[in-house]
Amino acid sequence: ASLITGIEPPAEVESALAAINTAHNQVSSDISL
C-alpha cells in the first residue's frame, strides 16, 4: 500500500489557499441553504 497522508503548498500561497477555502466554504454553505 501507498499511504500518502499530506500535501503541503508553498508558504507564499498558503494564505491565498486559505482565502479560497473560506470563499468556497461560504459558497457551499449558501448553496446548501
PDB file of all heavy atoms in Angstrom:
ATOM      1  N   ALA A   1       0.845  -1.197   0.000  1.00  0.00           N
ATOM      2  CA  ALA A   1       0.000   0.000   0.000  1.00  0.00           C
ATOM      3  C   ALA A   1       0.875   1.239   0.000  1.00  0.00           C
ATOM      4  O   ALA A   1       1.981   1.251   0.545  1.00  0.00           O
ATOM      5  CB  ALA A   1      -0.927   0.014   1.217  1.00  0.00           C
ATOM      6  N   SER A   2       0.348   2.275  -0.644  1.00  0.00           N
ATOM      7  CA  SER A   2       0.956   3.603  -0.554  1.00  0.00           C
ATOM      8  C   SER A   2       0.044   4.464   0.311  1.00  0.00           C
ATOM      9  O   SER A   2      -1.156   4.518   0.090  1.00  0.00           O
ATOM     10  CB  SER A   2       1.116   4.217  -1.953  1.00  0.00           C
ATOM     11  OG  SER A   2      -0.140   4.318  -2.607  1.00  0.00           O
ATOM     12  N   LEU A   3       0.636   5.117   1.286  1.00  0.00           N
ATOM     13  CA  LEU A   3      -0.138   5.899   2.252  1.00  0.00           C
ATOM     14  C   LEU A   3       0.305   7.352   2.184  1.00  0.00           C
ATOM     15  O   LEU A   3       1.091   7.823   3.015  1.00  0.00           O
ATOM     16  CB  LEU A   3       0.053   5.334   3.664  1.00  0.00           C
ATOM     17  CG  LEU A   3      -0.219   3.826   3.817  1.00  0.00           C
ATOM     18  CD1 LEU A   3       0.203   3.346   5.192  1.00  0.00           C
ATOM     19  CD2 LEU A   3      -1.681   3.535   3.561  1.00  0.00           C
ATOM     20  N   ILE A   4      -0.181   8.065   1.167  1.00  0.00           N
ATOM     21  CA  ILE A   4       0.114   9.498   1.039  1.00  0.00           C
ATOM     22  C   ILE A   4      -0.821  10.229   1.997  1.00  0.00           C
ATOM     23  O   ILE A   4      -2.037  10.200   1.845  1.00  0.00           O
ATOM     24  CB  ILE A   4      -0.093   9.968  -0.404  1.00  0.00           C
ATOM     25  CG1 ILE A   4       0.786   9.149  -1.355  1.00  0.00           C
ATOM     26  CG2 ILE A   4       0.222  11.459  -0.536  1.00  0.00           C
ATOM     27  CD1 ILE A   4       0.514   9.406  -2.821  1.00  0.00           C
ATOM     28  N   THR A   5      -0.243  10.871   2.987  1.00  0.00           N
ATOM     29  CA  THR A   5      -1.054  11.460   4.057  1.00  0.00           C
ATOM     30  C   THR A   5      -1.101  12.979   4.031  1.00  0.00           C
ATOM     31  O   THR A   5      -2.007  13.571   4.624  1.00  0.00           O
ATOM     32  CB  THR A   5      -0.508  11.017   5.429  1.00  0.00           C
ATOM     33  OG1 THR A   5       0.883  11.387   5.516  1.00  0.00           O
ATOM     34  CG2 THR A   5      -0.621   9.510   5.589  1.00  0.00           C
ATOM     35  N   GLY A   6      -0.153  13.643   3.384  1.00  0.00           N
ATOM     36  CA  GLY A   6      -0.126  15.104   3.416  1.00  0.00           C
ATOM     37  C   GLY A   6       0.348  15.714   2.119  1.00  0.00           C
ATOM     38  O   GLY A   6       1.250  15.189   1.463  1.00  0.00           O
ATOM     39  N   ILE A   7      -0.309  16.796   1.726  1.00  0.00           N
ATOM     40  CA  ILE A   7       0.094  17.577   0.554  1.00  0.00           C
ATOM     41  C   ILE A   7       0.149  19.032   0.997  1.00  0.00           C
ATOM     42  O   ILE A   7      -0.893  19.653   1.234  1.00  0.00           O
ATOM     43  CB  ILE A   7      -0.885  17.394  -0.624  1.00  0.00           C
ATOM     44  CG1 ILE A   7      -0.938  15.920  -1.037  1.00  0.00           C
ATOM     45  CG2 ILE A   7      -0.489  18.268  -1.797  1.00  0.00           C
ATOM     46  CD1 ILE A   7      -1.887  15.636  -2.175  1.00  0.00           C
ATOM     47  N   GLU A   8       1.351  19.571   1.115  1.00  0.00           N
ATOM     48  CA  GLU A   8       1.537  20.911   1.642  1.00  0.00           C
ATOM     49  C   GLU A   8       1.909  21.880   0.526  1.00  0.00           C
ATOM     50  O   GLU A   8       2.812  21.610  -0.273  1.00  0.00           O
ATOM     51  CB  GLU A   8       2.630  20.920   2.717  1.00  0.00           C
ATOM     52  CG  GLU A   8       2.332  20.016   3.906  1.00  0.00           C
ATOM     53  CD  GLU A   8       1.047  20.415   4.615  1.00  0.00           C
ATOM     54  OE1 GLU A   8       0.712  21.625   4.611  1.00  0.00           O
ATOM     55  OE2 GLU A   8       0.371  19.534   5.170  1.00  0.00           O
ATOM     56  N   PRO A   9       1.229  23.039   0.459  1.00  0.00           N
ATOM     57  CA  PRO A   9       1.532  24.031  -0.577  1.00  0.00           C
ATOM     58  C   PRO A   9       2.743  24.869  -0.179  1.00  0.00           C
ATOM     59  O   PRO A   9       3.169  24.858   0.979  1.00  0.00           O
ATOM     60  CB  PRO A   9       0.261  24.882  -0.594  1.00  0.00           C
ATOM     61  CG  PRO A   9      -0.220  24.820   0.815  1.00  0.00           C
ATOM     62  CD  PRO A   9       0.110  23.440   1.314  1.00  0.00           C
ATOM     63  N   PRO A  10       3.298  25.637  -1.117  1.00  0.00           N
ATOM     64  CA  PRO A  10       4.375  26.560  -0.772  1.00  0.00           C
ATOM     65  C   PRO A  10       3.886  27.609   0.221  1.00  0.00           C
ATOM     66  O   PRO A  10       2.694  27.945   0.266  1.00  0.00           O
ATOM     67  CB  PRO A  10       4.749  27.200  -2.117  1.00  0.00           C
ATOM     68  CG  PRO A  10       4.211  26.279  -3.148  1.00  0.00           C
ATOM     69  CD  PRO A  10       3.003  25.641  -2.545  1.00  0.00           C
ATOM     70  N   ALA A  11       4.802  28.131   1.031  1.00  0.00           N
ATOM     71  CA  ALA A  11       4.425  29.104   2.055  1.00  0.00           C
ATOM     72  C   ALA A  11       3.808  30.354   1.455  1.00  0.00           C
ATOM     73  O   ALA A  11       2.897  30.956   2.037  1.00  0.00           O
ATOM     74  CB  ALA A  11       5.649  29.460   2.891  1.00  0.00           C
ATOM     75  N   GLU A  12       4.269  30.765   0.261  1.00  0.00           N
ATOM     76  CA  GLU A  12       3.786  32.016  -0.323  1.00  0.00           C
ATOM     77  C   GLU A  12       2.352  31.931  -0.824  1.00  0.00           C
ATOM     78  O   GLU A  12       1.718  32.955  -1.076  1.00  0.00           O
ATOM     79  CB  GLU A  12       4.706  32.458  -1.471  1.00  0.00           C
ATOM     80  CG  GLU A  12       4.846  31.456  -2.602  1.00  0.00           C
ATOM     81  CD  GLU A  12       5.979  30.481  -2.381  1.00  0.00           C
ATOM     82  OE1 GLU A  12       6.448  30.382  -1.220  1.00  0.00           O
ATOM     83  OE2 GLU A  12       6.392  29.826  -3.357  1.00  0.00           O
ATOM     84  N   VAL A  13       1.816  30.719  -1.008  1.00  0.00           N
ATOM     85  CA  VAL A  13       0.439  30.592  -1.492  1.00  0.00           C
ATOM     86  C   VAL A  13      -0.494  30.045  -0.412  1.00  0.00           C
ATOM     87  O   VAL A  13      -1.674  29.846  -0.669  1.00  0.00           O
ATOM     88  CB  VAL A  13       0.373  29.687  -2.744  1.00  0.00           C
ATOM     89  CG1 VAL A  13       1.227  30.240  -3.862  1.00  0.00           C
ATOM     90  CG2 VAL A  13       0.792  28.269  -2.392  1.00  0.00           C
ATOM     91  N   GLU A  14       0.041  29.793   0.773  1.00  0.00           N
ATOM     92  CA  GLU A  14      -0.781  29.245   1.848  1.00  0.00           C
ATOM     93  C   GLU A  14      -1.934  30.170   2.204  1.00  0.00           C
ATOM     94  O   GLU A  14      -3.080  29.746   2.366  1.00  0.00           O
ATOM     95  CB  GLU A  14       0.079  28.988   3.079  1.00  0.00           C
ATOM     96  CG  GLU A  14      -0.687  28.392   4.256  1.00  0.00           C
ATOM     97  CD  GLU A  14      -1.172  26.991   3.978  1.00  0.00           C
ATOM     98  OE1 GLU A  14      -0.453  26.236   3.299  1.00  0.00           O
ATOM     99  OE2 GLU A  14      -2.283  26.656   4.423  1.00  0.00           O
ATOM    100  N   SER A  15      -1.643  31.486   2.329  1.00  0.00           N
ATOM    101  CA  SER A  15      -2.696  32.444   2.688  1.00  0.00           C
ATOM    102  C   SER A  15      -3.739  32.545   1.588  1.00  0.00           C
ATOM    103  O   SER A  15      -4.941  32.660   1.857  1.00  0.00           O
ATOM    104  CB  SER A  15      -2.080  33.813   2.975  1.00  0.00           C
ATOM    105  OG  SER A  15      -1.367  34.284   1.839  1.00  0.00           O
ATOM    106  N   ALA A  16      -3.272  32.509   0.320  1.00  0.00           N
ATOM    107  CA  ALA A  16      -4.219  32.575  -0.801  1.00  0.00           C
ATOM    108  C   ALA A  16      -5.132  31.358  -0.805  1.00  0.00           C
ATOM    109  O   ALA A  16      -6.344  31.468  -1.030  1.00  0.00           O
ATOM    110  CB  ALA A  16      -3.465  32.679  -2.117  1.00  0.00           C
ATOM    111  N   LEU A  17      -4.577  30.190  -0.536  1.00  0.00           N
ATOM    112  CA  LEU A  17      -5.396  28.981  -0.490  1.00  0.00           C
ATOM    113  C   LEU A  17      -6.390  29.032   0.662  1.00  0.00           C
ATOM    114  O   LEU A  17      -7.524  28.570   0.536  1.00  0.00           O
ATOM    115  CB  LEU A  17      -4.502  27.756  -0.346  1.00  0.00           C
ATOM    116  CG  LEU A  17      -3.745  27.314  -1.601  1.00  0.00           C
ATOM    117  CD1 LEU A  17      -2.839  26.144  -1.282  1.00  0.00           C
ATOM    118  CD2 LEU A  17      -4.707  26.938  -2.712  1.00  0.00           C
ATOM    119  N   ALA A  18      -5.954  29.614   1.782  1.00  0.00           N
ATOM    120  CA  ALA A  18      -6.871  29.748   2.914  1.00  0.00           C
ATOM    121  C   ALA A  18      -8.047  30.637   2.553  1.00  0.00           C
ATOM    122  O   ALA A  18      -9.195  30.348   2.906  1.00  0.00           O
ATOM    123  CB  ALA A  18      -6.118  30.311   4.126  1.00  0.00           C
ATOM    124  N   ALA A  19      -7.764  31.747   1.828  1.00  0.00           N
ATOM    125  CA  ALA A  19      -8.846  32.637   1.399  1.00  0.00           C
ATOM    126  C   ALA A  19      -9.778  31.932   0.424  1.00  0.00           C
ATOM    127  O   ALA A  19     -11.010  32.077   0.490  1.00  0.00           O
ATOM    128  CB  ALA A  19      -8.256  33.888   0.768  1.00  0.00           C
ATOM    129  N   ILE A  20      -9.201  31.152  -0.483  1.00  0.00           N
ATOM    130  CA  ILE A  20     -10.021  30.408  -1.442  1.00  0.00           C
ATOM    131  C   ILE A  20     -10.906  29.406  -0.718  1.00  0.00           C
ATOM    132  O   ILE A  20     -12.089  29.254  -1.023  1.00  0.00           O
ATOM    133  CB  ILE A  20      -9.115  29.701  -2.473  1.00  0.00           C
ATOM    134  CG1 ILE A  20      -8.419  30.744  -3.360  1.00  0.00           C
ATOM    135  CG2 ILE A  20      -9.924  28.720  -3.315  1.00  0.00           C
ATOM    136  CD1 ILE A  20      -7.413  30.133  -4.314  1.00  0.00           C
ATOM    137  N   ASN A  21     -10.329  28.721   0.269  1.00  0.00           N
ATOM    138  CA  ASN A  21     -11.104  27.743   1.021  1.00  0.00           C
ATOM    139  C   ASN A  21     -12.251  28.404   1.783  1.00  0.00           C
ATOM    140  O   ASN A  21     -13.363  27.873   1.844  1.00  0.00           O
ATOM    141  CB  ASN A  21     -10.194  26.995   1.996  1.00  0.00           C
ATOM    142  CG  ASN A  21      -9.233  26.072   1.289  1.00  0.00           C
ATOM    143  OD1 ASN A  21      -9.490  25.630   0.179  1.00  0.00           O
ATOM    144  ND2 ASN A  21      -8.112  25.788   1.933  1.00  0.00           N
ATOM    145  N   THR A  22     -11.978  29.595   2.357  1.00  0.00           N
ATOM    146  CA  THR A  22     -13.027  30.310   3.081  1.00  0.00           C
ATOM    147  C   THR A  22     -14.168  30.693   2.143  1.00  0.00           C
ATOM    148  O   THR A  22     -15.351  30.515   2.456  1.00  0.00           O
ATOM    149  CB  THR A  22     -12.448  31.565   3.746  1.00  0.00           C
ATOM    150  OG1 THR A  22     -11.399  31.184   4.646  1.00  0.00           O
ATOM    151  CG2 THR A  22     -13.518  32.319   4.516  1.00  0.00           C
ATOM    152  N   ALA A  23     -13.791  31.256   0.970  1.00  0.00           N
ATOM    153  CA  ALA A  23     -14.813  31.634  -0.004  1.00  0.00           C
ATOM    154  C   ALA A  23     -15.582  30.414  -0.500  1.00  0.00           C
ATOM    155  O   ALA A  23     -16.811  30.443  -0.648  1.00  0.00           O
ATOM    156  CB  ALA A  23     -14.167  32.352  -1.187  1.00  0.00           C
ATOM    157  N   HIS A  24     -14.855  29.323  -0.717  1.00  0.00           N
ATOM    158  CA  HIS A  24     -15.519  28.100  -1.187  1.00  0.00           C
ATOM    159  C   HIS A  24     -16.495  27.574  -0.138  1.00  0.00           C
ATOM    160  O   HIS A  24     -17.614  27.147  -0.473  1.00  0.00           O
ATOM    161  CB  HIS A  24     -14.465  27.042  -1.500  1.00  0.00           C
ATOM    162  CG  HIS A  24     -15.039  25.718  -1.891  1.00  0.00           C
ATOM    163  ND1 HIS A  24     -15.597  25.480  -3.127  1.00  0.00           N
ATOM    164  CD2 HIS A  24     -15.154  24.552  -1.193  1.00  0.00           C
ATOM    165  CE1 HIS A  24     -16.038  24.241  -3.182  1.00  0.00           C
ATOM    166  NE2 HIS A  24     -15.773  23.654  -2.020  1.00  0.00           N
ATOM    167  N   ASN A  25     -16.085  27.612   1.116  1.00  0.00           N
ATOM    168  CA  ASN A  25     -16.972  27.146   2.188  1.00  0.00           C
ATOM    169  C   ASN A  25     -18.228  28.012   2.292  1.00  0.00           C
ATOM    170  O   ASN A  25     -19.328  27.508   2.535  1.00  0.00           O
ATOM    171  CB  ASN A  25     -16.222  27.140   3.513  1.00  0.00           C
ATOM    172  CG  ASN A  25     -15.122  26.095   3.549  1.00  0.00           C
ATOM    173  OD1 ASN A  25     -15.168  25.112   2.803  1.00  0.00           O
ATOM    174  ND2 ASN A  25     -14.115  26.310   4.384  1.00  0.00           N
ATOM    175  N   GLN A  26     -18.053  29.346   2.113  1.00  0.00           N
ATOM    176  CA  GLN A  26     -19.198  30.244   2.167  1.00  0.00           C
ATOM    177  C   GLN A  26     -20.170  29.967   1.032  1.00  0.00           C
ATOM    178  O   GLN A  26     -21.386  29.913   1.218  1.00  0.00           O
ATOM    179  CB  GLN A  26     -18.717  31.698   2.120  1.00  0.00           C
ATOM    180  CG  GLN A  26     -19.832  32.733   2.223  1.00  0.00           C
ATOM    181  CD  GLN A  26     -20.574  32.644   3.541  1.00  0.00           C
ATOM    182  OE1 GLN A  26     -19.954  32.483   4.592  1.00  0.00           O
ATOM    183  NE2 GLN A  26     -21.902  32.746   3.511  1.00  0.00           N
ATOM    184  N   VAL A  27     -19.598  29.787  -0.167  1.00  0.00           N
ATOM    185  CA  VAL A  27     -20.440  29.486  -1.328  1.00  0.00           C
ATOM    186  C   VAL A  27     -21.157  28.146  -1.131  1.00  0.00           C
ATOM    187  O   VAL A  27     -22.352  28.018  -1.425  1.00  0.00           O
ATOM    188  CB  VAL A  27     -19.591  29.461  -2.612  1.00  0.00           C
ATOM    189  CG1 VAL A  27     -20.410  28.936  -3.785  1.00  0.00           C
ATOM    190  CG2 VAL A  27     -19.066  30.861  -2.925  1.00  0.00           C
ATOM    191  N   SER A  28     -20.431  27.157  -0.617  1.00  0.00           N
ATOM    192  CA  SER A  28     -21.043  25.857  -0.379  1.00  0.00           C
ATOM    193  C   SER A  28     -22.170  25.963   0.635  1.00  0.00           C
ATOM    194  O   SER A  28     -23.220  25.323   0.494  1.00  0.00           O
ATOM    195  CB  SER A  28     -19.985  24.864   0.111  1.00  0.00           C
ATOM    196  OG  SER A  28     -18.972  24.684  -0.852  1.00  0.00           O
ATOM    197  N   SER A  29     -21.954  26.790   1.680  1.00  0.00           N
ATOM    198  CA  SER A  29     -22.999  26.982   2.682  1.00  0.00           C
ATOM    199  C   SER A  29     -24.231  27.631   2.070  1.00  0.00           C
ATOM    200  O   SER A  29     -25.370  27.205   2.329  1.00  0.00           O
ATOM    201  CB  SER A  29     -22.455  27.833   3.832  1.00  0.00           C
ATOM    202  OG  SER A  29     -23.459  28.109   4.773  1.00  0.00           O
ATOM    203  N   ASP A  30     -24.023  28.680   1.246  1.00  0.00           N
ATOM    204  CA  ASP A  30     -25.155  29.345   0.595  1.00  0.00           C
ATOM    205  C   ASP A  30     -25.906  28.386  -0.326  1.00  0.00           C
ATOM    206  O   ASP A  30     -27.141  28.390  -0.376  1.00  0.00           O
ATOM    207  CB  ASP A  30     -24.666  30.565  -0.190  1.00  0.00           C
ATOM    208  CG  ASP A  30     -24.110  31.649   0.727  1.00  0.00           C
ATOM    209  OD1 ASP A  30     -24.427  31.625   1.926  1.00  0.00           O
ATOM    210  OD2 ASP A  30     -23.347  32.517   0.233  1.00  0.00           O
ATOM    211  N   ILE A  31     -25.149  27.582  -1.057  1.00  0.00           N
ATOM    212  CA  ILE A  31     -25.784  26.613  -1.955  1.00  0.00           C
ATOM    213  C   ILE A  31     -26.593  25.592  -1.160  1.00  0.00           C
ATOM    214  O   ILE A  31     -27.715  25.217  -1.541  1.00  0.00           O
ATOM    215  CB  ILE A  31     -24.726  25.913  -2.823  1.00  0.00           C
ATOM    216  CG1 ILE A  31     -24.107  26.918  -3.806  1.00  0.00           C
ATOM    217  CG2 ILE A  31     -25.332  24.736  -3.583  1.00  0.00           C
ATOM    218  CD1 ILE A  31     -22.971  26.348  -4.628  1.00  0.00           C
ATOM    219  N   SER A  32     -26.043  25.154  -0.039  1.00  0.00           N
ATOM    220  CA  SER A  32     -26.753  24.183   0.794  1.00  0.00           C
ATOM    221  C   SER A  32     -28.048  24.765   1.341  1.00  0.00           C
ATOM    222  O   SER A  32     -29.096  24.102   1.344  1.00  0.00           O
ATOM    223  CB  SER A  32     -25.851  23.732   1.944  1.00  0.00           C
ATOM    224  OG  SER A  32     -24.700  23.084   1.454  1.00  0.00           O
ATOM    225  N   LEU A  33     -27.990  26.041   1.805  1.00  0.00           N
ATOM    226  CA  LEU A  33     -29.192  26.683   2.322  1.00  0.00           C
ATOM    227  C   LEU A  33     -30.242  26.844   1.225  1.00  0.00           C
ATOM    228  O   LEU A  33     -31.435  26.605   1.442  1.00  0.00           O
ATOM    229  CB  LEU A  33     -28.832  28.045   2.920  1.00  0.00           C
ATOM    230  CG  LEU A  33     -27.996  28.013   4.218  1.00  0.00           C
ATOM    231  CD1 LEU A  33     -27.611  29.435   4.623  1.00  0.00           C
ATOM    232  CD2 LEU A  33     -28.764  27.327   5.337  1.00  0.00           C
TER     233      LEU A  33
END
